[in-house]
Amino acid sequence: MVVASDIKIAACQKIKGIKFMNCSSCQGYQLTPVELEKGLVAAECGKCQGTLLPLMNYEFWRNSQESFPELSGDICQHDASDTKTARFCPKCSRLMAKFKLAGHANNRLDYCAACSEVWLDEGEWDLLKKLNIIGHLSEILTDGWQKQIRLDQQDATIRNRYLELMGENDFDRLKSFKQWLKQHPAKVEMKQFINS
């Protein structure tokens, strides 16, 4: 009789090298097959609960989904750990690059471009679901996504600075005026008048 765990193990053994990889953080701990979601196979460390996810597996799973699993509840980053130091790829031993998930989340994914593998620290898969970006893992690893995070953070910093200087009422009035001025056909002349 074949059981689901046998199928998972057999599927993982087909992925070259996954069966014999060791966790790059926990010495002496092998990565073992795990199913993050139905049909999404990865390799997990039994000690730190970190997971190595091949992007090929993720893309295959993502393309088969009609909708993505979500977790309800508040986004609590304390539920997900995040390594602050550089991580070595368990597969090829190269340094992995770090990519921020979102502007309001401090967690970063570790990515090995050579192996096309993502390391998820404990709880980061659930954090991706809570942030509703579970279907965008490949996009998170792009320059465009990372640039947008930096721009959003810059906008938030500027907004908070002006809020602090003016107060909420004056800031809202000034923001409305700015939007109105942007749309006005004589905006150039009006700006010249304001600056004179």
N, C-alpha and C. Protein backbone atom coordinates (compact mmCIF):
# COMPACT_ATOMS: atom_id res chain seq x y z
N MET A 1 0.84 -1.19 0.00
CA MET A 1 0.00 0.00 0.00
C MET A 1 0.88 1.25 0.00
N VAL A 2 0.66 2.15 -0.96
CA VAL A 2 1.44 3.38 -1.08
C VAL A 2 0.73 4.47 -0.31
N VAL A 3 1.47 5.17 0.56
CA VAL A 3 0.89 6.27 1.33
C VAL A 3 1.40 7.60 0.82
N ALA A 4 0.73 8.69 1.22
CA ALA A 4 1.07 10.02 0.72
C ALA A 4 2.52 10.39 1.02
N SER A 5 3.03 10.01 2.21
CA SER A 5 4.40 10.36 2.55
C SER A 5 5.39 9.67 1.61
N ASP A 6 5.08 8.43 1.17
CA ASP A 6 5.95 7.73 0.22
C ASP A 6 5.98 8.45 -1.12
N ILE A 7 4.84 8.96 -1.53
CA ILE A 7 4.76 9.71 -2.79
C ILE A 7 5.59 10.98 -2.71
N LYS A 8 5.48 11.70 -1.57
CA LYS A 8 6.25 12.92 -1.37
C LYS A 8 7.74 12.64 -1.43
N ILE A 9 8.17 11.60 -0.75
CA ILE A 9 9.59 11.25 -0.72
C ILE A 9 10.07 10.85 -2.11
N ALA A 10 9.28 10.07 -2.81
CA ALA A 10 9.64 9.66 -4.18
C ALA A 10 9.75 10.86 -5.09
N ALA A 11 8.81 11.81 -4.95
CA ALA A 11 8.84 13.02 -5.78
C ALA A 11 10.09 13.83 -5.49
N CYS A 12 10.46 13.95 -4.21
CA CYS A 12 11.65 14.72 -3.85
C CYS A 12 12.92 14.05 -4.32
N GLN A 13 12.95 12.71 -4.33
CA GLN A 13 14.15 12.01 -4.76
C GLN A 13 14.40 12.20 -6.24
N LYS A 14 13.38 12.57 -6.97
CA LYS A 14 13.55 12.83 -8.40
C LYS A 14 14.25 14.16 -8.64
N ILE A 15 14.19 15.06 -7.67
CA ILE A 15 14.85 16.36 -7.80
C ILE A 15 16.32 16.16 -7.46
N LYS A 16 17.16 16.40 -8.43
CA LYS A 16 18.58 16.10 -8.29
C LYS A 16 19.17 16.81 -7.06
N GLY A 17 19.77 16.05 -6.20
CA GLY A 17 20.52 16.60 -5.08
C GLY A 17 19.73 16.93 -3.84
N ILE A 18 18.42 16.98 -3.90
CA ILE A 18 17.65 17.46 -2.75
C ILE A 18 17.75 16.52 -1.56
N LYS A 19 17.92 15.25 -1.81
CA LYS A 19 17.93 14.24 -0.76
C LYS A 19 19.17 14.34 0.12
N PHE A 20 20.30 14.83 -0.43
CA PHE A 20 21.56 14.80 0.29
C PHE A 20 22.04 16.17 0.76
N MET A 21 21.27 17.21 0.56
CA MET A 21 21.71 18.54 0.95
C MET A 21 21.61 18.73 2.45
N ASN A 22 22.57 19.48 2.99
CA ASN A 22 22.56 19.82 4.40
C ASN A 22 22.14 21.27 4.58
N CYS A 23 21.56 21.58 5.72
CA CYS A 23 21.20 22.95 6.05
C CYS A 23 22.49 23.75 6.19
N SER A 24 22.54 24.94 5.59
CA SER A 24 23.76 25.75 5.65
C SER A 24 23.91 26.45 7.00
N SER A 25 22.87 26.44 7.82
CA SER A 25 22.95 27.06 9.15
C SER A 25 23.15 26.04 10.26
N CYS A 26 22.51 24.91 10.13
CA CYS A 26 22.51 23.91 11.20
C CYS A 26 23.42 22.75 10.82
N GLN A 27 24.60 22.74 11.35
CA GLN A 27 25.56 21.71 10.99
C GLN A 27 25.05 20.32 11.36
N GLY A 28 25.17 19.41 10.41
CA GLY A 28 24.78 18.03 10.66
C GLY A 28 23.31 17.73 10.41
N TYR A 29 22.54 18.71 9.95
CA TYR A 29 21.12 18.49 9.69
C TYR A 29 20.87 18.47 8.19
N GLN A 30 20.32 17.35 7.72
CA GLN A 30 19.98 17.23 6.30
C GLN A 30 18.62 17.86 6.04
N LEU A 31 18.47 18.36 4.82
CA LEU A 31 17.18 18.86 4.38
C LEU A 31 16.35 17.66 3.94
N THR A 32 15.11 17.62 4.41
CA THR A 32 14.24 16.49 4.08
C THR A 32 13.02 17.00 3.31
N PRO A 33 12.41 16.14 2.50
CA PRO A 33 11.26 16.55 1.69
C PRO A 33 10.09 17.02 2.54
N VAL A 34 9.45 18.08 2.07
CA VAL A 34 8.26 18.62 2.73
C VAL A 34 7.34 19.18 1.65
N GLU A 35 6.06 19.13 1.91
CA GLU A 35 5.09 19.70 0.97
C GLU A 35 4.54 20.98 1.60
N LEU A 36 4.95 22.14 1.04
CA LEU A 36 4.50 23.43 1.57
C LEU A 36 3.00 23.62 1.36
N GLU A 37 2.55 23.26 0.19
CA GLU A 37 1.14 23.27 -0.18
C GLU A 37 0.93 22.01 -1.00
N LYS A 38 -0.30 21.65 -1.21
CA LYS A 38 -0.57 20.45 -2.03
C LYS A 38 0.07 20.62 -3.40
N GLY A 39 1.02 19.73 -3.70
CA GLY A 39 1.70 19.77 -4.99
C GLY A 39 2.95 20.63 -5.03
N LEU A 40 3.32 21.27 -3.92
CA LEU A 40 4.51 22.12 -3.89
C LEU A 40 5.55 21.51 -2.95
N VAL A 41 6.54 20.85 -3.56
CA VAL A 41 7.55 20.11 -2.80
C VAL A 41 8.79 20.98 -2.63
N ALA A 42 9.33 20.96 -1.40
CA ALA A 42 10.55 21.69 -1.07
C ALA A 42 11.38 20.80 -0.14
N ALA A 43 12.45 21.35 0.42
CA ALA A 43 13.29 20.61 1.35
C ALA A 43 13.44 21.44 2.62
N GLU A 44 13.23 20.80 3.79
CA GLU A 44 13.19 21.53 5.05
C GLU A 44 14.23 21.01 6.03
N CYS A 45 14.78 21.92 6.83
CA CYS A 45 15.68 21.55 7.91
C CYS A 45 14.84 21.22 9.14
N GLY A 46 15.10 20.08 9.75
CA GLY A 46 14.34 19.66 10.92
C GLY A 46 14.65 20.48 12.16
N LYS A 47 15.78 21.17 12.17
CA LYS A 47 16.16 21.95 13.36
C LYS A 47 15.62 23.39 13.28
N CYS A 48 16.01 24.15 12.25
CA CYS A 48 15.62 25.57 12.17
C CYS A 48 14.32 25.79 11.42
N GLN A 49 13.77 24.75 10.81
CA GLN A 49 12.52 24.82 10.04
C GLN A 49 12.64 25.69 8.80
N GLY A 50 13.87 26.02 8.39
CA GLY A 50 14.07 26.73 7.13
C GLY A 50 13.79 25.80 5.97
N THR A 51 13.41 26.39 4.82
CA THR A 51 12.99 25.59 3.67
C THR A 51 13.68 26.07 2.40
N LEU A 52 14.23 25.14 1.65
CA LEU A 52 14.81 25.44 0.35
C LEU A 52 13.78 25.09 -0.71
N LEU A 53 13.37 26.11 -1.46
CA LEU A 53 12.32 25.95 -2.46
C LEU A 53 12.87 26.18 -3.86
N PRO A 54 12.89 25.15 -4.71
CA PRO A 54 13.29 25.34 -6.11
C PRO A 54 12.24 26.20 -6.84
N LEU A 55 12.70 27.24 -7.52
CA LEU A 55 11.76 28.10 -8.24
C LEU A 55 11.00 27.34 -9.32
N MET A 56 11.64 26.31 -9.88
CA MET A 56 10.96 25.50 -10.89
C MET A 56 9.72 24.83 -10.28
N ASN A 57 9.86 24.29 -9.09
CA ASN A 57 8.71 23.68 -8.40
C ASN A 57 7.64 24.73 -8.11
N TYR A 58 8.09 25.90 -7.64
CA TYR A 58 7.15 26.98 -7.31
C TYR A 58 6.37 27.42 -8.55
N GLU A 59 7.08 27.64 -9.67
CA GLU A 59 6.42 28.09 -10.90
C GLU A 59 5.40 27.06 -11.39
N PHE A 60 5.77 25.80 -11.33
CA PHE A 60 4.84 24.74 -11.73
C PHE A 60 3.60 24.77 -10.85
N TRP A 61 3.80 24.90 -9.53
CA TRP A 61 2.68 24.96 -8.59
C TRP A 61 1.83 26.21 -8.83
N ARG A 62 2.51 27.37 -8.99
CA ARG A 62 1.79 28.64 -9.19
C ARG A 62 0.93 28.59 -10.44
N ASN A 63 1.47 28.05 -11.51
CA ASN A 63 0.72 27.99 -12.77
C ASN A 63 -0.46 27.03 -12.71
N SER A 64 -0.47 26.14 -11.73
CA SER A 64 -1.58 25.20 -11.59
C SER A 64 -2.67 25.71 -10.65
N GLN A 65 -2.46 26.87 -10.06
CA GLN A 65 -3.41 27.39 -9.06
C GLN A 65 -4.45 28.32 -9.70
N GLU A 66 -5.70 28.12 -9.31
CA GLU A 66 -6.75 29.07 -9.71
C GLU A 66 -6.77 30.25 -8.76
N SER A 67 -6.51 29.98 -7.49
CA SER A 67 -6.38 31.03 -6.48
C SER A 67 -5.30 30.59 -5.51
N PHE A 68 -4.82 31.53 -4.73
CA PHE A 68 -3.71 31.24 -3.82
C PHE A 68 -4.19 31.18 -2.39
N PRO A 69 -3.59 30.29 -1.60
CA PRO A 69 -3.99 30.19 -0.19
C PRO A 69 -3.61 31.46 0.56
N GLU A 70 -4.49 31.90 1.43
CA GLU A 70 -4.25 33.08 2.25
C GLU A 70 -4.43 32.71 3.71
N LEU A 71 -3.75 33.44 4.56
CA LEU A 71 -3.95 33.29 6.00
C LEU A 71 -4.62 34.56 6.50
N SER A 72 -5.63 34.40 7.30
CA SER A 72 -6.27 35.58 7.87
C SER A 72 -5.56 35.94 9.16
N GLY A 73 -5.86 37.11 9.64
CA GLY A 73 -5.26 37.56 10.89
C GLY A 73 -4.26 38.67 10.65
N ASP A 74 -3.81 39.23 11.75
CA ASP A 74 -2.85 40.33 11.67
C ASP A 74 -1.51 39.83 11.17
N ILE A 75 -0.82 40.71 10.47
CA ILE A 75 0.52 40.39 9.99
C ILE A 75 1.47 40.63 11.14
N CYS A 76 2.00 39.57 11.66
CA CYS A 76 2.94 39.66 12.77
C CYS A 76 4.27 39.10 12.31
N GLN A 77 5.23 39.99 12.11
CA GLN A 77 6.52 39.55 11.59
C GLN A 77 7.27 38.70 12.60
N HIS A 78 6.86 38.74 13.87
CA HIS A 78 7.54 37.92 14.87
C HIS A 78 7.24 36.44 14.64
N ASP A 79 6.18 36.14 13.87
CA ASP A 79 5.85 34.76 13.56
C ASP A 79 6.84 34.16 12.55
N ALA A 80 7.57 35.02 11.85
CA ALA A 80 8.52 34.56 10.84
C ALA A 80 9.92 35.02 11.22
N SER A 81 10.85 34.09 11.26
CA SER A 81 12.23 34.47 11.57
C SER A 81 12.90 34.98 10.30
N ASP A 82 14.02 35.69 10.48
CA ASP A 82 14.76 36.23 9.34
C ASP A 82 16.23 36.26 9.70
N THR A 83 17.04 35.63 8.89
CA THR A 83 18.48 35.67 9.13
C THR A 83 19.03 37.01 8.68
N LYS A 84 19.79 37.65 9.52
CA LYS A 84 20.36 38.96 9.21
C LYS A 84 21.68 38.84 8.46
N THR A 85 22.35 37.70 8.63
CA THR A 85 23.65 37.51 7.99
C THR A 85 23.48 36.83 6.63
N ALA A 86 24.56 36.86 5.88
CA ALA A 86 24.55 36.21 4.57
C ALA A 86 24.41 34.70 4.75
N ARG A 87 23.68 34.09 3.84
CA ARG A 87 23.45 32.65 3.88
C ARG A 87 24.12 32.03 2.65
N PHE A 88 24.67 30.84 2.84
CA PHE A 88 25.23 30.09 1.73
C PHE A 88 24.18 29.14 1.20
N CYS A 89 24.14 28.98 -0.11
CA CYS A 89 23.19 28.07 -0.74
C CYS A 89 23.51 26.64 -0.33
N PRO A 90 22.52 25.90 0.19
CA PRO A 90 22.76 24.51 0.58
C PRO A 90 23.13 23.61 -0.61
N LYS A 91 22.77 24.06 -1.80
CA LYS A 91 22.99 23.23 -2.99
C LYS A 91 24.37 23.43 -3.59
N CYS A 92 24.82 24.71 -3.73
CA CYS A 92 26.09 24.98 -4.43
C CYS A 92 27.12 25.70 -3.56
N SER A 93 26.74 26.11 -2.35
CA SER A 93 27.61 26.79 -1.39
C SER A 93 27.98 28.22 -1.77
N ARG A 94 27.33 28.79 -2.77
CA ARG A 94 27.56 30.20 -3.10
C ARG A 94 26.74 31.07 -2.14
N LEU A 95 27.17 32.34 -2.02
CA LEU A 95 26.39 33.28 -1.22
C LEU A 95 25.05 33.55 -1.89
N MET A 96 24.01 33.63 -1.08
CA MET A 96 22.67 33.92 -1.59
C MET A 96 22.41 35.42 -1.44
N ALA A 97 21.70 36.01 -2.39
CA ALA A 97 21.32 37.42 -2.33
C ALA A 97 20.04 37.56 -1.51
N LYS A 98 19.87 38.71 -0.86
CA LYS A 98 18.69 38.96 -0.03
C LYS A 98 17.74 39.91 -0.75
N PHE A 99 16.44 39.60 -0.67
CA PHE A 99 15.40 40.40 -1.32
C PHE A 99 14.28 40.68 -0.32
N LYS A 100 13.96 41.96 -0.14
CA LYS A 100 12.86 42.34 0.76
C LYS A 100 11.53 41.88 0.20
N LEU A 101 10.63 41.49 1.09
CA LEU A 101 9.29 41.06 0.68
C LEU A 101 8.42 42.25 0.32
N ALA A 102 8.38 43.23 1.22
CA ALA A 102 7.52 44.41 1.04
C ALA A 102 8.06 45.52 1.94
N GLY A 103 7.61 46.74 1.68
CA GLY A 103 8.10 47.88 2.45
C GLY A 103 7.75 47.80 3.92
N HIS A 104 6.59 47.25 4.25
CA HIS A 104 6.15 47.19 5.64
C HIS A 104 6.52 45.87 6.32
N ALA A 105 7.32 45.05 5.66
CA ALA A 105 7.79 43.78 6.24
C ALA A 105 9.31 43.79 6.24
N ASN A 106 9.90 43.46 7.36
CA ASN A 106 11.36 43.48 7.47
C ASN A 106 12.02 42.22 6.93
N ASN A 107 11.25 41.17 6.73
CA ASN A 107 11.83 39.90 6.28
C ASN A 107 12.37 40.00 4.86
N ARG A 108 13.43 39.22 4.64
CA ARG A 108 14.05 39.16 3.32
C ARG A 108 14.22 37.70 2.93
N LEU A 109 13.98 37.42 1.66
CA LEU A 109 14.19 36.08 1.13
C LEU A 109 15.63 35.96 0.68
N ASP A 110 16.20 34.78 0.84
CA ASP A 110 17.54 34.50 0.34
C ASP A 110 17.39 33.74 -0.97
N TYR A 111 18.15 34.18 -1.99
CA TYR A 111 18.00 33.61 -3.34
C TYR A 111 19.35 33.29 -3.94
N CYS A 112 19.46 32.10 -4.48
CA CYS A 112 20.65 31.69 -5.23
C CYS A 112 20.30 31.70 -6.71
N ALA A 113 20.87 32.66 -7.43
CA ALA A 113 20.58 32.78 -8.86
C ALA A 113 21.20 31.62 -9.64
N ALA A 114 22.31 31.09 -9.17
CA ALA A 114 22.98 29.99 -9.88
C ALA A 114 22.12 28.73 -9.87
N CYS A 115 21.46 28.47 -8.75
CA CYS A 115 20.64 27.25 -8.61
C CYS A 115 19.15 27.51 -8.79
N SER A 116 18.77 28.78 -8.81
CA SER A 116 17.36 29.16 -8.89
C SER A 116 16.57 28.56 -7.72
N GLU A 117 17.11 28.78 -6.52
CA GLU A 117 16.51 28.27 -5.29
C GLU A 117 16.29 29.42 -4.31
N VAL A 118 15.19 29.37 -3.59
CA VAL A 118 14.87 30.38 -2.58
C VAL A 118 14.90 29.71 -1.21
N TRP A 119 15.55 30.37 -0.25
CA TRP A 119 15.53 29.90 1.14
C TRP A 119 14.49 30.70 1.91
N LEU A 120 13.57 29.99 2.51
CA LEU A 120 12.54 30.60 3.35
C LEU A 120 12.85 30.28 4.80
N ASP A 121 13.08 31.30 5.61
CA ASP A 121 13.28 31.07 7.03
C ASP A 121 11.96 30.62 7.64
N GLU A 122 12.01 30.09 8.84
CA GLU A 122 10.81 29.58 9.50
C GLU A 122 9.71 30.64 9.53
N GLY A 123 8.54 30.27 9.05
CA GLY A 123 7.38 31.15 9.07
C GLY A 123 7.25 32.09 7.88
N GLU A 124 8.26 32.16 7.02
CA GLU A 124 8.19 33.11 5.89
C GLU A 124 7.17 32.69 4.83
N TRP A 125 6.94 31.40 4.66
CA TRP A 125 5.91 30.97 3.70
C TRP A 125 4.54 31.48 4.17
N ASP A 126 4.26 31.35 5.46
CA ASP A 126 3.00 31.87 6.00
C ASP A 126 2.94 33.39 5.92
N LEU A 127 4.08 34.05 6.10
CA LEU A 127 4.13 35.51 5.98
C LEU A 127 3.79 35.93 4.55
N LEU A 128 4.30 35.21 3.55
CA LEU A 128 3.96 35.51 2.15
C LEU A 128 2.45 35.42 1.95
N LYS A 129 1.81 34.45 2.59
CA LYS A 129 0.36 34.30 2.47
C LYS A 129 -0.36 35.45 3.17
N LYS A 130 0.11 35.82 4.36
CA LYS A 130 -0.52 36.92 5.10
C LYS A 130 -0.39 38.24 4.37
N LEU A 131 0.74 38.44 3.70
CA LEU A 131 0.96 39.67 2.92
C LEU A 131 0.25 39.62 1.57
N ASN A 132 -0.37 38.48 1.27
CA ASN A 132 -1.09 38.28 0.01
C ASN A 132 -0.18 38.43 -1.21
N ILE A 133 1.06 37.94 -1.08
CA ILE A 133 2.00 37.99 -2.20
C ILE A 133 2.53 36.60 -2.53
N ILE A 134 1.81 35.57 -2.11
CA ILE A 134 2.23 34.19 -2.32
C ILE A 134 2.37 33.86 -3.82
N GLY A 135 1.59 34.52 -4.65
CA GLY A 135 1.65 34.28 -6.09
C GLY A 135 2.69 35.12 -6.80
N HIS A 136 3.51 35.87 -6.04
CA HIS A 136 4.47 36.80 -6.64
C HIS A 136 5.92 36.52 -6.24
N LEU A 137 6.21 35.31 -5.83
CA LEU A 137 7.56 34.99 -5.37
C LEU A 137 8.62 35.32 -6.41
N SER A 138 8.39 34.97 -7.66
CA SER A 138 9.37 35.25 -8.72
C SER A 138 9.56 36.74 -8.93
N GLU A 139 8.47 37.51 -8.81
CA GLU A 139 8.54 38.96 -9.01
C GLU A 139 9.30 39.64 -7.88
N ILE A 140 9.19 39.10 -6.66
CA ILE A 140 9.91 39.66 -5.51
C ILE A 140 11.41 39.68 -5.79
N LEU A 141 11.88 38.74 -6.57
CA LEU A 141 13.30 38.59 -6.86
C LEU A 141 13.78 39.47 -8.01
N THR A 142 12.95 40.42 -8.45
CA THR A 142 13.33 41.29 -9.56
C THR A 142 13.74 42.68 -9.07
N ASP A 143 14.53 43.36 -9.89
CA ASP A 143 14.93 44.73 -9.57
C ASP A 143 13.73 45.66 -9.49
N GLY A 144 12.75 45.43 -10.36
CA GLY A 144 11.56 46.28 -10.38
C GLY A 144 10.80 46.24 -9.05
N TRP A 145 10.62 45.04 -8.49
CA TRP A 145 9.91 44.89 -7.21
C TRP A 145 10.68 45.59 -6.10
N GLN A 146 12.01 45.35 -6.08
CA GLN A 146 12.84 45.94 -5.04
C GLN A 146 12.89 47.47 -5.15
N LYS A 147 12.92 47.99 -6.38
CA LYS A 147 12.92 49.44 -6.58
C LYS A 147 11.60 50.04 -6.09
N GLN A 148 10.49 49.37 -6.36
CA GLN A 148 9.18 49.87 -5.92
C GLN A 148 9.11 49.91 -4.39
N ILE A 149 9.69 48.93 -3.73
CA ILE A 149 9.74 48.93 -2.26
C ILE A 149 10.49 50.16 -1.77
N ARG A 150 11.65 50.45 -2.39
CA ARG A 150 12.44 51.62 -1.98
C ARG A 150 11.67 52.91 -2.23
N LEU A 151 10.98 53.02 -3.37
CA LEU A 151 10.20 54.22 -3.67
C LEU A 151 9.05 54.39 -2.68
N ASP A 152 8.38 53.30 -2.35
CA ASP A 152 7.28 53.35 -1.38
C ASP A 152 7.79 53.79 -0.01
N GLN A 153 8.94 53.28 0.39
CA GLN A 153 9.52 53.66 1.67
C GLN A 153 9.92 55.14 1.68
N GLN A 154 10.46 55.61 0.55
CA GLN A 154 10.83 57.01 0.43
C GLN A 154 9.60 57.90 0.53
N ASP A 155 8.53 57.54 -0.17
CA ASP A 155 7.28 58.31 -0.10
C ASP A 155 6.72 58.34 1.31
N ALA A 156 6.77 57.22 2.00
CA ALA A 156 6.26 57.15 3.38
C ALA A 156 7.09 58.02 4.31
N THR A 157 8.40 58.04 4.11
CA THR A 157 9.28 58.87 4.94
C THR A 157 8.97 60.35 4.73
N ILE A 158 8.83 60.75 3.47
CA ILE A 158 8.51 62.15 3.16
C ILE A 158 7.15 62.53 3.73
N ARG A 159 6.17 61.67 3.53
CA ARG A 159 4.82 61.93 4.05
C ARG A 159 4.84 62.09 5.57
N ASN A 160 5.53 61.18 6.26
CA ASN A 160 5.60 61.26 7.72
C ASN A 160 6.31 62.53 8.19
N ARG A 161 7.32 62.96 7.47
CA ARG A 161 8.05 64.19 7.83
C ARG A 161 7.13 65.40 7.71
N TYR A 162 6.37 65.50 6.61
CA TYR A 162 5.46 66.64 6.44
C TYR A 162 4.30 66.58 7.42
N LEU A 163 3.82 65.39 7.72
CA LEU A 163 2.77 65.25 8.73
C LEU A 163 3.25 65.76 10.08
N GLU A 164 4.49 65.44 10.40
CA GLU A 164 5.07 65.88 11.67
C GLU A 164 5.22 67.40 11.71
N LEU A 165 5.62 67.99 10.59
CA LEU A 165 5.82 69.45 10.53
C LEU A 165 4.51 70.23 10.55
N MET A 166 3.50 69.75 9.82
CA MET A 166 2.28 70.53 9.60
C MET A 166 1.08 70.09 10.43
N GLY A 167 1.07 68.85 10.80
CA GLY A 167 -0.13 68.29 11.41
C GLY A 167 -1.03 67.72 10.33
N GLU A 168 -1.95 66.86 10.74
CA GLU A 168 -2.77 66.12 9.78
C GLU A 168 -3.70 67.00 8.95
N ASN A 169 -4.38 67.97 9.60
CA ASN A 169 -5.34 68.82 8.87
C ASN A 169 -4.67 69.64 7.78
N ASP A 170 -3.57 70.33 8.15
CA ASP A 170 -2.87 71.16 7.16
C ASP A 170 -2.25 70.30 6.06
N PHE A 171 -1.73 69.15 6.43
CA PHE A 171 -1.14 68.26 5.44
C PHE A 171 -2.20 67.79 4.44
N ASP A 172 -3.38 67.41 4.92
CA ASP A 172 -4.47 66.98 4.02
C ASP A 172 -4.90 68.10 3.10
N ARG A 173 -4.98 69.32 3.63
CA ARG A 173 -5.36 70.47 2.79
C ARG A 173 -4.31 70.73 1.72
N LEU A 174 -3.05 70.68 2.12
CA LEU A 174 -1.96 70.91 1.17
C LEU A 174 -1.92 69.81 0.11
N LYS A 175 -2.17 68.58 0.51
CA LYS A 175 -2.19 67.47 -0.43
C LYS A 175 -3.32 67.64 -1.46
N SER A 176 -4.48 68.06 -1.00
CA SER A 176 -5.61 68.32 -1.92
C SER A 176 -5.26 69.44 -2.89
N PHE A 177 -4.63 70.49 -2.37
CA PHE A 177 -4.23 71.60 -3.22
C PHE A 177 -3.22 71.13 -4.27
N LYS A 178 -2.28 70.34 -3.85
CA LYS A 178 -1.26 69.83 -4.77
C LYS A 178 -1.90 69.03 -5.90
N GLN A 179 -2.86 68.16 -5.56
CA GLN A 179 -3.55 67.37 -6.58
C GLN A 179 -4.35 68.26 -7.53
N TRP A 180 -5.00 69.26 -6.97
CA TRP A 180 -5.77 70.21 -7.79
C TRP A 180 -4.84 70.96 -8.73
N LEU A 181 -3.71 71.42 -8.19
CA LEU A 181 -2.75 72.19 -9.00
C LEU A 181 -2.17 71.35 -10.13
N LYS A 182 -1.91 70.09 -9.86
CA LYS A 182 -1.36 69.19 -10.88
C LYS A 182 -2.27 69.08 -12.10
N GLN A 183 -3.57 69.12 -11.87
CA GLN A 183 -4.56 68.96 -12.93
C GLN A 183 -4.91 70.27 -13.65
N HIS A 184 -4.56 71.40 -13.06
CA HIS A 184 -4.98 72.70 -13.59
C HIS A 184 -4.20 73.06 -14.87
N PRO A 185 -4.91 73.59 -15.88
CA PRO A 185 -4.22 73.94 -17.13
C PRO A 185 -3.19 75.07 -16.98
N ALA A 186 -3.36 75.91 -15.97
CA ALA A 186 -2.42 77.03 -15.76
C ALA A 186 -1.46 76.75 -14.60
N LYS A 187 -1.13 75.50 -14.39
CA LYS A 187 -0.31 75.13 -13.23
C LYS A 187 1.08 75.77 -13.26
N VAL A 188 1.67 75.92 -14.43
CA VAL A 188 3.01 76.52 -14.52
C VAL A 188 2.97 77.96 -14.02
N GLU A 189 1.99 78.73 -14.48
CA GLU A 189 1.86 80.12 -14.07
C GLU A 189 1.55 80.23 -12.57
N MET A 190 0.72 79.32 -12.08
CA MET A 190 0.37 79.33 -10.64
C MET A 190 1.60 79.03 -9.78
N LYS A 191 2.42 78.07 -10.23
CA LYS A 191 3.64 77.76 -9.48
C LYS A 191 4.61 78.95 -9.49
N GLN A 192 4.67 79.66 -10.62
CA GLN A 192 5.53 80.84 -10.69
C GLN A 192 5.02 81.91 -9.72
N PHE A 193 3.73 82.08 -9.64
CA PHE A 193 3.15 83.06 -8.71
C PHE A 193 3.47 82.68 -7.26
N ILE A 194 3.30 81.39 -6.93
CA ILE A 194 3.56 80.93 -5.55
C ILE A 194 5.02 81.15 -5.19
N ASN A 195 5.92 80.91 -6.13
CA ASN A 195 7.35 81.04 -5.86
C ASN A 195 7.87 82.47 -5.94
N SER A 196 7.03 83.41 -6.36
CA SER A 196 7.50 84.80 -6.50
C SER A 196 7.44 85.56 -5.20
